[in-house]
């Protein structure tokens, strides 16, 4: 998935330039390496970018207020999405943990049920992105454009994370799980894979939580601008 960040002809500010370059770099990284570890790193980098954007938000401007209305609504949607994804990551991690228990006990029926629960949860997660607005805010000041692009990348990062996780444990793997009950070595191998998935989900959960807190801080700053 490609990301394009166009420059806006406004007075140059070092903070804005740096944030813009970081967004460009992050977008390129996501496009070139579609892995869970890339998504985890992307969420961390995005939170750092929002730190810089928050500093830009705090700079005085006579034009910003009127341009924020559209972005405020979209930012609220992103907050809701980020919170929802964090909750889904928690649920996914719990299912993976329960699947590991089922494997150790040799409970085939329970293992299959957990795989089905995981698949249903992944499908449920994907539906949330269809409800999330991805439209760009109309051209305005650099700060608003940075917020728009950061939001777009945030949504894409979370969506890609869910897509990748949905492929980690799916119905075709049932045969692997079934074989695991007949070969102790296979059980160990499968459990190691599940432990790795669990760690990845936990990283995404933490990344989404960190990003959520940054988004709250940004929103508070924007509300302060609108109320001033």
C-alpha atoms as a PDB file:
ATOM      1  CA  UNK A   1       0.000   0.000   0.000  1.00  0.00           C
ATOM      2  CA  UNK A   2       1.587   3.271  -1.098  1.00  0.00           C
ATOM      3  CA  UNK A   3       1.438   6.524   0.819  1.00  0.00           C
ATOM      4  CA  UNK A   4       1.865   9.949  -0.703  1.00  0.00           C
ATOM      5  CA  UNK A   5       2.455  13.084   1.323  1.00  0.00           C
ATOM      6  CA  UNK A   6       2.407  16.287  -0.697  1.00  0.00           C
ATOM      7  CA  UNK A   7       4.058  19.437   0.499  1.00  0.00           C
ATOM      8  CA  UNK A   8       2.024  22.481   1.351  1.00  0.00           C
ATOM      9  CA  UNK A   9       3.328  25.915   0.424  1.00  0.00           C
ATOM     10  CA  UNK A  10       3.385  27.585   3.799  1.00  0.00           C
ATOM     11  CA  UNK A  11       6.107  29.162   5.905  1.00  0.00           C
ATOM     12  CA  UNK A  12       8.650  26.470   6.724  1.00  0.00           C
ATOM     13  CA  UNK A  13       8.833  25.237  10.293  1.00  0.00           C
ATOM     14  CA  UNK A  14      11.539  22.784  11.353  1.00  0.00           C
ATOM     15  CA  UNK A  15       9.052  20.700  13.366  1.00  0.00           C
ATOM     16  CA  UNK A  16       6.662  20.394  10.439  1.00  0.00           C
ATOM     17  CA  UNK A  17       9.459  19.479   8.034  1.00  0.00           C
ATOM     18  CA  UNK A  18      10.722  16.774  10.374  1.00  0.00           C
ATOM     19  CA  UNK A  19       7.242  15.329  10.969  1.00  0.00           C
ATOM     20  CA  UNK A  20       6.561  15.326   7.225  1.00  0.00           C
ATOM     21  CA  UNK A  21       9.780  13.465   6.493  1.00  0.00           C
ATOM     22  CA  UNK A  22       9.065  10.938   9.239  1.00  0.00           C
ATOM     23  CA  UNK A  23       5.623  10.266   7.782  1.00  0.00           C
ATOM     24  CA  UNK A  24       7.126   9.792   4.334  1.00  0.00           C
ATOM     25  CA  UNK A  25       9.693   7.385   5.743  1.00  0.00           C
ATOM     26  CA  UNK A  26       7.081   5.458   7.721  1.00  0.00           C
ATOM     27  CA  UNK A  27       4.785   5.194   4.705  1.00  0.00           C
ATOM     28  CA  UNK A  28       7.631   3.856   2.585  1.00  0.00           C
ATOM     29  CA  UNK A  29       8.586   1.360   5.274  1.00  0.00           C
ATOM     30  CA  UNK A  30       5.044  -0.001   5.497  1.00  0.00           C
ATOM     31  CA  UNK A  31       4.765  -0.272   1.725  1.00  0.00           C
ATOM     32  CA  UNK A  32       8.028  -2.151   1.322  1.00  0.00           C
ATOM     33  CA  UNK A  33       7.793  -4.587   4.244  1.00  0.00           C
ATOM     34  CA  UNK A  34       4.380  -5.980   5.091  1.00  0.00           C
ATOM     35  CA  UNK A  35       5.164  -7.913   8.289  1.00  0.00           C
ATOM     36  CA  UNK A  36       3.818  -7.843  11.826  1.00  0.00           C
ATOM     37  CA  UNK A  37       7.167  -6.654  13.198  1.00  0.00           C
ATOM     38  CA  UNK A  38       7.032  -3.746  10.748  1.00  0.00           C
ATOM     39  CA  UNK A  39       3.546  -2.857  11.984  1.00  0.00           C
ATOM     40  CA  UNK A  40       4.677  -2.984  15.630  1.00  0.00           C
ATOM     41  CA  UNK A  41       7.613  -0.723  14.845  1.00  0.00           C
ATOM     42  CA  UNK A  42       5.323   1.505  12.795  1.00  0.00           C
ATOM     43  CA  UNK A  43       2.960   2.060  15.716  1.00  0.00           C
ATOM     44  CA  UNK A  44       5.893   3.074  17.923  1.00  0.00           C
ATOM     45  CA  UNK A  45       7.252   5.432  15.272  1.00  0.00           C
ATOM     46  CA  UNK A  46       3.813   6.899  14.712  1.00  0.00           C
ATOM     47  CA  UNK A  47       3.449   7.713  18.403  1.00  0.00           C
ATOM     48  CA  UNK A  48       6.789   9.548  18.240  1.00  0.00           C
ATOM     49  CA  UNK A  49       5.609  11.451  15.159  1.00  0.00           C
ATOM     50  CA  UNK A  50       2.499  12.533  17.038  1.00  0.00           C
ATOM     51  CA  UNK A  51       4.779  13.944  19.728  1.00  0.00           C
ATOM     52  CA  UNK A  52       6.245  16.253  17.108  1.00  0.00           C
ATOM     53  CA  UNK A  53       2.835  17.089  15.708  1.00  0.00           C
ATOM     54  CA  UNK A  54       1.647  17.994  19.206  1.00  0.00           C
ATOM     55  CA  UNK A  55       4.447  20.563  19.419  1.00  0.00           C
ATOM     56  CA  UNK A  56       3.314  22.021  16.092  1.00  0.00           C
ATOM     57  CA  UNK A  57      -0.262  22.186  17.348  1.00  0.00           C
ATOM     58  CA  UNK A  58       0.950  24.309  20.242  1.00  0.00           C
ATOM     59  CA  UNK A  59       2.489  26.922  17.929  1.00  0.00           C
ATOM     60  CA  UNK A  60       0.496  30.141  17.485  1.00  0.00           C
ATOM     61  CA  UNK A  61      -1.611  30.404  14.332  1.00  0.00           C
ATOM     62  CA  UNK A  62      -4.405  32.712  13.210  1.00  0.00           C
ATOM     63  CA  UNK A  63      -5.744  30.370  10.540  1.00  0.00           C
ATOM     64  CA  UNK A  64      -5.772  26.953  12.149  1.00  0.00           C
ATOM     65  CA  UNK A  65      -9.043  27.134  14.080  1.00  0.00           C
ATOM     66  CA  UNK A  66     -11.393  27.269  11.094  1.00  0.00           C
ATOM     67  CA  UNK A  67      -9.574  24.414   9.364  1.00  0.00           C
ATOM     68  CA  UNK A  68      -9.852  21.976  12.260  1.00  0.00           C
ATOM     69  CA  UNK A  69     -13.567  21.220  12.250  1.00  0.00           C
ATOM     70  CA  UNK A  70     -13.439  18.406   9.682  1.00  0.00           C
ATOM     71  CA  UNK A  71     -10.339  16.845  11.170  1.00  0.00           C
ATOM     72  CA  UNK A  72     -11.821  16.881  14.677  1.00  0.00           C
ATOM     73  CA  UNK A  73     -14.599  14.518  13.636  1.00  0.00           C
ATOM     74  CA  UNK A  74     -12.148  12.202  11.881  1.00  0.00           C
ATOM     75  CA  UNK A  75      -9.795  12.229  14.861  1.00  0.00           C
ATOM     76  CA  UNK A  76     -12.639  11.063  17.093  1.00  0.00           C
ATOM     77  CA  UNK A  77     -13.281   8.160  14.710  1.00  0.00           C
ATOM     78  CA  UNK A  78      -9.604   7.262  14.861  1.00  0.00           C
ATOM     79  CA  UNK A  79      -9.665   7.326  18.657  1.00  0.00           C
ATOM     80  CA  UNK A  80     -12.624   4.939  18.682  1.00  0.00           C
ATOM     81  CA  UNK A  81     -10.932   2.673  16.140  1.00  0.00           C
ATOM     82  CA  UNK A  82      -7.658   2.597  18.052  1.00  0.00           C
ATOM     83  CA  UNK A  83      -9.454   1.762  21.306  1.00  0.00           C
ATOM     84  CA  UNK A  84     -11.483  -0.967  19.614  1.00  0.00           C
ATOM     85  CA  UNK A  85      -8.402  -2.521  18.014  1.00  0.00           C
ATOM     86  CA  UNK A  86      -6.598  -2.542  21.344  1.00  0.00           C
ATOM     87  CA  UNK A  87      -9.518  -4.461  22.864  1.00  0.00           C
ATOM     88  CA  UNK A  88      -9.537  -6.894  19.934  1.00  0.00           C
ATOM     89  CA  UNK A  89      -5.802  -7.494  20.305  1.00  0.00           C
ATOM     90  CA  UNK A  90      -6.430  -8.349  23.979  1.00  0.00           C
ATOM     91  CA  UNK A  91      -9.137 -10.834  22.941  1.00  0.00           C
ATOM     92  CA  UNK A  92      -6.915 -12.344  20.258  1.00  0.00           C
ATOM     93  CA  UNK A  93      -4.086 -12.831  22.731  1.00  0.00           C
ATOM     94  CA  UNK A  94      -6.432 -14.576  25.163  1.00  0.00           C
ATOM     95  CA  UNK A  95      -7.657 -16.937  22.429  1.00  0.00           C
ATOM     96  CA  UNK A  96      -4.082 -17.808  21.441  1.00  0.00           C
ATOM     97  CA  UNK A  97      -3.247 -18.534  25.083  1.00  0.00           C
ATOM     98  CA  UNK A  98      -6.296 -20.794  25.388  1.00  0.00           C
ATOM     99  CA  UNK A  99      -5.350 -22.536  22.135  1.00  0.00           C
ATOM    100  CA  UNK A 100      -1.932 -23.330  23.583  1.00  0.00           C
ATOM    101  CA  UNK A 101      -3.598 -24.886  26.632  1.00  0.00           C
ATOM    102  CA  UNK A 102      -5.838 -26.991  24.382  1.00  0.00           C
ATOM    103  CA  UNK A 103      -2.809 -28.192  22.427  1.00  0.00           C
ATOM    104  CA  UNK A 104      -0.949 -29.195  25.575  1.00  0.00           C
ATOM    105  CA  UNK A 105      -3.994 -31.136  26.794  1.00  0.00           C
ATOM    106  CA  UNK A 106      -4.508 -32.783  23.417  1.00  0.00           C
ATOM    107  CA  UNK A 107      -8.069 -31.460  23.269  1.00  0.00           C
ATOM    108  CA  UNK A 108      -8.775 -31.445  19.536  1.00  0.00           C
ATOM    109  CA  UNK A 109     -12.341 -30.117  19.820  1.00  0.00           C
ATOM    110  CA  UNK A 110     -11.285 -27.225  22.049  1.00  0.00           C
ATOM    111  CA  UNK A 111      -8.392 -26.353  19.728  1.00  0.00           C
ATOM    112  CA  UNK A 112     -10.660 -26.264  16.681  1.00  0.00           C
ATOM    113  CA  UNK A 113     -13.156 -24.110  18.560  1.00  0.00           C
ATOM    114  CA  UNK A 114     -10.445 -21.619  19.485  1.00  0.00           C
ATOM    115  CA  UNK A 115      -9.255 -21.425  15.873  1.00  0.00           C
ATOM    116  CA  UNK A 116     -12.813 -20.672  14.797  1.00  0.00           C
ATOM    117  CA  UNK A 117     -13.143 -18.007  17.521  1.00  0.00           C
ATOM    118  CA  UNK A 118      -9.924 -16.392  16.359  1.00  0.00           C
ATOM    119  CA  UNK A 119     -11.102 -16.345  12.737  1.00  0.00           C
ATOM    120  CA  UNK A 120     -14.465 -14.821  13.691  1.00  0.00           C
ATOM    121  CA  UNK A 121     -12.747 -12.147  15.764  1.00  0.00           C
ATOM    122  CA  UNK A 122     -10.407 -11.273  12.879  1.00  0.00           C
ATOM    123  CA  UNK A 123     -13.390 -10.903  10.527  1.00  0.00           C
ATOM    124  CA  UNK A 124     -15.166  -8.740  13.103  1.00  0.00           C
ATOM    125  CA  UNK A 125     -12.072  -6.526  13.368  1.00  0.00           C
ATOM    126  CA  UNK A 126     -11.904  -6.040   9.599  1.00  0.00           C
ATOM    127  CA  UNK A 127     -15.474  -4.755   9.513  1.00  0.00           C
ATOM    128  CA  UNK A 128     -14.547  -1.793  11.703  1.00  0.00           C
ATOM    129  CA  UNK A 129     -12.326  -0.376   8.971  1.00  0.00           C
ATOM    130  CA  UNK A 130     -15.231  -0.207   6.540  1.00  0.00           C
ATOM    131  CA  UNK A 131     -16.920   2.203   8.938  1.00  0.00           C
ATOM    132  CA  UNK A 132     -13.857   4.405   9.348  1.00  0.00           C
ATOM    133  CA  UNK A 133     -13.601   7.501   7.168  1.00  0.00           C
ATOM    134  CA  UNK A 134     -10.412   7.547   5.099  1.00  0.00           C
ATOM    135  CA  UNK A 135     -11.185  10.721   3.203  1.00  0.00           C
ATOM    136  CA  UNK A 136      -8.568  13.438   3.373  1.00  0.00           C
ATOM    137  CA  UNK A 137      -9.363  16.793   4.873  1.00  0.00           C
ATOM    138  CA  UNK A 138      -9.479  19.534   2.267  1.00  0.00           C
ATOM    139  CA  UNK A 139      -6.198  21.330   1.697  1.00  0.00           C
ATOM    140  CA  UNK A 140      -5.339  23.725   4.469  1.00  0.00           C
ATOM    141  CA  UNK A 141      -2.433  24.641   6.661  1.00  0.00           C
ATOM    142  CA  UNK A 142       0.511  22.309   7.054  1.00  0.00           C
ATOM    143  CA  UNK A 143      -0.521  21.238  10.534  1.00  0.00           C
ATOM    144  CA  UNK A 144      -3.944  20.059   9.355  1.00  0.00           C
ATOM    145  CA  UNK A 145      -2.415  18.215   6.410  1.00  0.00           C
ATOM    146  CA  UNK A 146       0.061  16.485   8.728  1.00  0.00           C
ATOM    147  CA  UNK A 147      -2.782  15.419  11.011  1.00  0.00           C
ATOM    148  CA  UNK A 148      -4.685  14.069   8.021  1.00  0.00           C
ATOM    149  CA  UNK A 149      -1.747  12.034   6.718  1.00  0.00           C
ATOM    150  CA  UNK A 150      -0.859  10.776  10.183  1.00  0.00           C
ATOM    151  CA  UNK A 151      -4.458   9.646  10.596  1.00  0.00           C
ATOM    152  CA  UNK A 152      -4.452   7.875   7.227  1.00  0.00           C
ATOM    153  CA  UNK A 153      -1.269   6.010   8.089  1.00  0.00           C
ATOM    154  CA  UNK A 154      -2.663   5.161  11.544  1.00  0.00           C
ATOM    155  CA  UNK A 155      -5.728   3.536   9.999  1.00  0.00           C
ATOM    156  CA  UNK A 156      -3.627   1.692   7.420  1.00  0.00           C
ATOM    157  CA  UNK A 157      -1.219   0.426  10.072  1.00  0.00           C
ATOM    158  CA  UNK A 158      -4.018  -0.955  12.216  1.00  0.00           C
ATOM    159  CA  UNK A 159      -5.814  -2.429   9.211  1.00  0.00           C
ATOM    160  CA  UNK A 160      -2.639  -4.114   7.944  1.00  0.00           C
ATOM    161  CA  UNK A 161      -1.952  -5.464  11.432  1.00  0.00           C
ATOM    162  CA  UNK A 162      -5.373  -7.103  11.597  1.00  0.00           C
ATOM    163  CA  UNK A 163      -4.977  -8.491   8.075  1.00  0.00           C
ATOM    164  CA  UNK A 164      -1.623 -10.059   8.922  1.00  0.00           C
ATOM    165  CA  UNK A 165      -2.892 -11.504  12.199  1.00  0.00           C
ATOM    166  CA  UNK A 166      -5.902 -13.011  10.429  1.00  0.00           C
ATOM    167  CA  UNK A 167      -3.514 -15.131   8.349  1.00  0.00           C
ATOM    168  CA  UNK A 168      -1.489 -16.358  11.324  1.00  0.00           C
ATOM    169  CA  UNK A 169      -4.152 -18.756  12.592  1.00  0.00           C
ATOM    170  CA  UNK A 170      -6.801 -19.819  10.089  1.00  0.00           C
ATOM    171  CA  UNK A 171      -8.865 -22.838   9.196  1.00  0.00           C
ATOM    172  CA  UNK A 172      -6.259 -24.500   6.911  1.00  0.00           C
ATOM    173  CA  UNK A 173      -4.022 -24.848   9.971  1.00  0.00           C
ATOM    174  CA  UNK A 174      -6.518 -27.284  11.519  1.00  0.00           C
ATOM    175  CA  UNK A 175      -4.656 -30.153   9.876  1.00  0.00           C
ATOM    176  CA  UNK A 176      -1.451 -29.000  11.541  1.00  0.00           C
ATOM    177  CA  UNK A 177      -3.196 -28.836  14.898  1.00  0.00           C
ATOM    178  CA  UNK A 178      -4.689 -32.312  14.431  1.00  0.00           C
ATOM    179  CA  UNK A 179      -1.286 -33.771  13.551  1.00  0.00           C
ATOM    180  CA  UNK A 180       0.126 -32.167  16.679  1.00  0.00           C
ATOM    181  CA  UNK A 181      -1.852 -34.568  18.862  1.00  0.00           C
ATOM    182  CA  UNK A 182      -0.118 -37.538  17.283  1.00  0.00           C
ATOM    183  CA  UNK A 183       3.424 -36.211  17.268  1.00  0.00           C
ATOM    184  CA  UNK A 184       4.895 -34.711  20.400  1.00  0.00           C
ATOM    185  CA  UNK A 185       7.521 -32.878  18.378  1.00  0.00           C
ATOM    186  CA  UNK A 186       4.783 -31.270  16.300  1.00  0.00           C
ATOM    187  CA  UNK A 187       3.063 -30.112  19.480  1.00  0.00           C
ATOM    188  CA  UNK A 188       6.227 -28.349  20.619  1.00  0.00           C
ATOM    189  CA  UNK A 189       6.683 -26.756  17.193  1.00  0.00           C
ATOM    190  CA  UNK A 190       3.064 -25.575  17.047  1.00  0.00           C
ATOM    191  CA  UNK A 191       3.234 -24.177  20.582  1.00  0.00           C
ATOM    192  CA  UNK A 192       6.404 -22.262  19.781  1.00  0.00           C
ATOM    193  CA  UNK A 193       4.662 -20.720  16.780  1.00  0.00           C
ATOM    194  CA  UNK A 194       1.688 -19.749  18.925  1.00  0.00           C
ATOM    195  CA  UNK A 195       3.958 -18.198  21.555  1.00  0.00           C
ATOM    196  CA  UNK A 196       5.545 -16.061  18.843  1.00  0.00           C
ATOM    197  CA  UNK A 197       2.085 -14.984  17.642  1.00  0.00           C
ATOM    198  CA  UNK A 198       1.105 -14.159  21.220  1.00  0.00           C
ATOM    199  CA  UNK A 199       4.177 -11.940  21.611  1.00  0.00           C
ATOM    200  CA  UNK A 200       3.391 -10.163  18.336  1.00  0.00           C
ATOM    201  CA  UNK A 201      -0.187  -9.525  19.407  1.00  0.00           C
ATOM    202  CA  UNK A 202       0.995  -8.169  22.749  1.00  0.00           C
ATOM    203  CA  UNK A 203       3.369  -5.800  20.943  1.00  0.00           C
ATOM    204  CA  UNK A 204       0.495  -4.584  18.766  1.00  0.00           C
ATOM    205  CA  UNK A 205      -1.718  -4.221  21.820  1.00  0.00           C
ATOM    206  CA  UNK A 206       0.909  -2.075  23.560  1.00  0.00           C
ATOM    207  CA  UNK A 207       1.542  -0.076  20.386  1.00  0.00           C
ATOM    208  CA  UNK A 208      -2.165   0.625  19.911  1.00  0.00           C
ATOM    209  CA  UNK A 209      -2.471   1.652  23.558  1.00  0.00           C
ATOM    210  CA  UNK A 210       0.480   4.022  23.299  1.00  0.00           C
ATOM    211  CA  UNK A 211      -0.902   5.501  20.095  1.00  0.00           C
ATOM    212  CA  UNK A 212      -4.325   5.941  21.709  1.00  0.00           C
ATOM    213  CA  UNK A 213      -2.829   7.990  24.539  1.00  0.00           C
ATOM    214  CA  UNK A 214      -0.986  10.212  22.046  1.00  0.00           C
ATOM    215  CA  UNK A 215      -4.184  10.735  20.071  1.00  0.00           C
ATOM    216  CA  UNK A 216      -5.982  11.803  23.236  1.00  0.00           C
ATOM    217  CA  UNK A 217      -3.250  14.358  23.946  1.00  0.00           C
ATOM    218  CA  UNK A 218      -3.473  15.697  20.394  1.00  0.00           C
ATOM    219  CA  UNK A 219      -7.236  15.984  20.604  1.00  0.00           C
ATOM    220  CA  UNK A 220      -7.034  17.901  23.876  1.00  0.00           C
ATOM    221  CA  UNK A 221      -4.582  20.329  22.271  1.00  0.00           C
ATOM    222  CA  UNK A 222      -6.876  20.801  19.269  1.00  0.00           C
ATOM    223  CA  UNK A 223      -9.881  21.400  21.511  1.00  0.00           C
ATOM    224  CA  UNK A 224      -7.864  24.036  23.366  1.00  0.00           C
ATOM    225  CA  UNK A 225      -7.193  25.785  20.051  1.00  0.00           C
ATOM    226  CA  UNK A 226     -10.860  25.734  19.095  1.00  0.00           C
ATOM    227  CA  UNK A 227     -11.955  27.064  22.474  1.00  0.00           C
ATOM    228  CA  UNK A 228      -9.378  29.870  22.569  1.00  0.00           C
END
